[in-house]
Amino acid sequence: MSSEKLRLDKYLWAIRVFKTRTQATEACDEGKVKLNGANVKPARAVAIGDKYDIKTPARKWTIEVTGLLHNRMGYEEAIKNYVDLTSEEDKQLNQRISSSFYTGKRLSKTGRPTKKQRRDLNELFDGDTDDQ
């Protein structure tokens, strides 16, 4: 840690804003990370005191850098290296988004039809084709 230069994409990954460095790099390239309203490149050096506006699929963030973290740490350690300045309006939006967020799990009794349901569907659709 003798060199205090740290890439923005690596920092965002280390403080757990993004799951992978690739996602952090893509977000910077797509203009979803801004410093003082201007888009920033993933290789930009992070400095203590910088304020970033970050838009992730899950939420909006406004953070101020308070420490440089070169390697990914646990959540408890990561939150010590930035201050969350997200506005109340964005926090409420984040809560609305997270409450309707799709987790990928299917609800019980939904999804693929059972054998009986499949036979009933086939019977229904086979019966329709004869009428035409």
Protein backbone atom coordinates (compact mmCIF):
# COMPACT_ATOMS: atom_id res chain seq x y z
CA MET A 1 0.00 0.00 0.00
CA SER A 2 2.95 2.33 -0.47
CA SER A 3 1.37 3.64 -3.67
CA GLU A 4 -1.85 5.49 -2.84
CA LYS A 5 -3.22 5.20 -6.38
CA LEU A 6 -6.35 3.10 -6.59
CA ARG A 7 -8.54 2.53 -9.65
CA LEU A 8 -12.19 3.55 -9.30
CA ASP A 9 -13.54 0.20 -10.52
CA LYS A 10 -11.37 -1.67 -8.00
CA TYR A 11 -12.49 0.65 -5.19
CA LEU A 12 -16.21 0.22 -5.99
CA TRP A 13 -15.71 -3.55 -6.03
CA ALA A 14 -13.72 -3.49 -2.76
CA ILE A 15 -16.39 -1.51 -0.86
CA ARG A 16 -19.03 -3.94 -2.14
CA VAL A 17 -21.08 -1.60 -4.33
CA PHE A 18 -20.63 -4.10 -7.19
CA LYS A 19 -20.24 -7.88 -6.99
CA THR A 20 -17.44 -8.03 -9.58
CA ARG A 21 -14.81 -5.68 -10.97
CA THR A 22 -16.24 -6.34 -14.41
CA GLN A 23 -19.63 -4.96 -13.30
CA ALA A 24 -17.91 -1.93 -11.79
CA THR A 25 -15.96 -1.31 -15.01
CA GLU A 26 -19.10 -1.67 -17.15
CA ALA A 27 -21.02 0.75 -14.93
CA CYS A 28 -18.26 3.36 -15.35
CA ASP A 29 -18.17 2.80 -19.12
CA GLU A 30 -21.97 3.13 -19.36
CA GLY A 31 -21.96 6.44 -17.46
CA LYS A 32 -23.61 5.11 -14.31
CA VAL A 33 -20.82 6.42 -12.07
CA LYS A 34 -20.41 10.19 -11.87
CA LEU A 35 -18.03 12.53 -10.04
CA ASN A 36 -19.52 16.04 -9.65
CA GLY A 37 -22.05 15.25 -12.39
CA ALA A 38 -19.43 14.16 -14.95
CA ASN A 39 -18.91 10.60 -16.15
CA VAL A 40 -15.70 8.98 -14.96
CA LYS A 41 -13.53 6.26 -16.45
CA PRO A 42 -12.88 3.01 -14.56
CA ALA A 43 -9.12 3.69 -14.38
CA ARG A 44 -9.54 7.08 -12.67
CA ALA A 45 -7.56 7.40 -9.43
CA VAL A 46 -9.73 7.58 -6.32
CA ALA A 47 -8.92 10.27 -3.75
CA ILE A 48 -10.20 10.70 -0.21
CA GLY A 49 -13.00 13.28 -0.23
CA ASP A 50 -14.33 12.40 -3.71
CA LYS A 51 -18.14 12.21 -3.96
CA TYR A 52 -19.61 9.74 -6.43
CA ASP A 53 -23.17 9.24 -7.69
CA ILE A 54 -23.62 5.58 -8.54
CA LYS A 55 -26.58 3.89 -10.20
CA THR A 56 -26.77 0.09 -9.78
CA PRO A 57 -29.62 -2.19 -10.86
CA ALA A 58 -30.69 -2.53 -7.22
CA ARG A 59 -30.39 1.09 -6.00
CA LYS A 60 -28.93 4.59 -6.30
CA TRP A 61 -25.96 5.58 -4.14
CA THR A 62 -24.23 8.85 -3.28
CA ILE A 63 -20.99 8.15 -1.45
CA GLU A 64 -18.02 10.09 -0.16
CA VAL A 65 -14.65 8.34 -0.02
CA THR A 66 -13.20 8.32 3.52
CA GLY A 67 -10.57 5.62 3.09
CA LEU A 68 -8.92 3.63 0.33
CA LEU A 69 -9.53 -0.11 0.30
CA HIS A 70 -7.29 -2.04 -2.10
CA ASN A 71 -8.72 -5.52 -1.50
CA ARG A 72 -12.27 -6.75 -1.03
CA MET A 73 -13.10 -7.08 2.67
CA GLY A 74 -16.14 -8.09 4.66
CA TYR A 75 -19.11 -5.71 4.78
CA GLU A 76 -18.25 -4.49 8.29
CA GLU A 77 -14.78 -3.44 7.15
CA ALA A 78 -15.92 -2.06 3.78
CA ILE A 79 -18.45 0.42 5.22
CA LYS A 80 -15.68 2.13 7.20
CA ASN A 81 -14.15 3.40 3.93
CA TYR A 82 -17.05 5.51 2.66
CA VAL A 83 -19.94 7.63 3.91
CA ASP A 84 -23.37 6.99 2.39
CA LEU A 85 -24.79 10.42 1.47
CA THR A 86 -27.78 9.05 -0.45
CA SER A 87 -30.69 11.51 -0.29
CA GLU A 88 -33.91 10.56 1.49
CA GLU A 89 -35.76 10.64 -1.84
CA ASP A 90 -33.38 8.07 -3.35
CA LYS A 91 -33.50 5.93 -0.18
CA GLN A 92 -37.28 5.77 -0.44
CA LEU A 93 -36.97 4.85 -4.12
CA ASN A 94 -34.47 2.14 -3.15
CA GLN A 95 -36.94 0.69 -0.63
CA ARG A 96 -39.72 0.62 -3.22
CA ILE A 97 -37.44 -1.09 -5.72
CA SER A 98 -36.18 -3.64 -3.19
CA SER A 99 -39.69 -4.53 -2.03
CA SER A 100 -40.67 -5.43 -5.59
CA PHE A 101 -37.26 -6.88 -6.47
CA TYR A 102 -37.40 -10.24 -8.22
CA THR A 103 -35.29 -12.77 -6.32
CA GLY A 104 -35.35 -15.50 -8.95
CA LYS A 105 -37.29 -17.95 -6.82
CA ARG A 106 -40.61 -19.25 -8.12
CA LEU A 107 -43.71 -19.05 -6.02
CA SER A 108 -44.99 -22.37 -4.74
CA LYS A 109 -47.38 -24.21 -7.09
CA THR A 110 -46.44 -22.07 -10.09
CA GLY A 111 -44.22 -22.66 -13.07
CA ARG A 112 -44.26 -25.82 -15.11
CA PRO A 113 -47.62 -27.54 -15.34
CA THR A 114 -48.18 -30.94 -13.77
CA LYS A 115 -48.82 -33.99 -15.96
CA LYS A 116 -52.56 -33.65 -15.41
CA GLN A 117 -52.50 -29.93 -16.27
CA ARG A 118 -50.42 -30.71 -19.39
CA ARG A 119 -52.93 -33.37 -20.54
CA ASP A 120 -55.80 -30.95 -19.94
CA LEU A 121 -54.00 -28.24 -21.94
CA ASN A 122 -53.24 -30.64 -24.79
CA GLU A 123 -56.86 -31.77 -24.83
CA LEU A 124 -58.05 -28.17 -24.88
CA PHE A 125 -55.74 -27.11 -27.72
CA ASP A 126 -56.17 -30.32 -29.74
CA GLY A 127 -59.93 -29.81 -29.52
CA ASP A 128 -59.56 -26.23 -30.88
CA THR A 129 -57.61 -27.29 -33.98
CA ASP A 130 -60.39 -29.74 -35.04
CA ASP A 131 -62.99 -26.93 -35.07
CA GLN A 132 -61.06 -24.78 -37.54
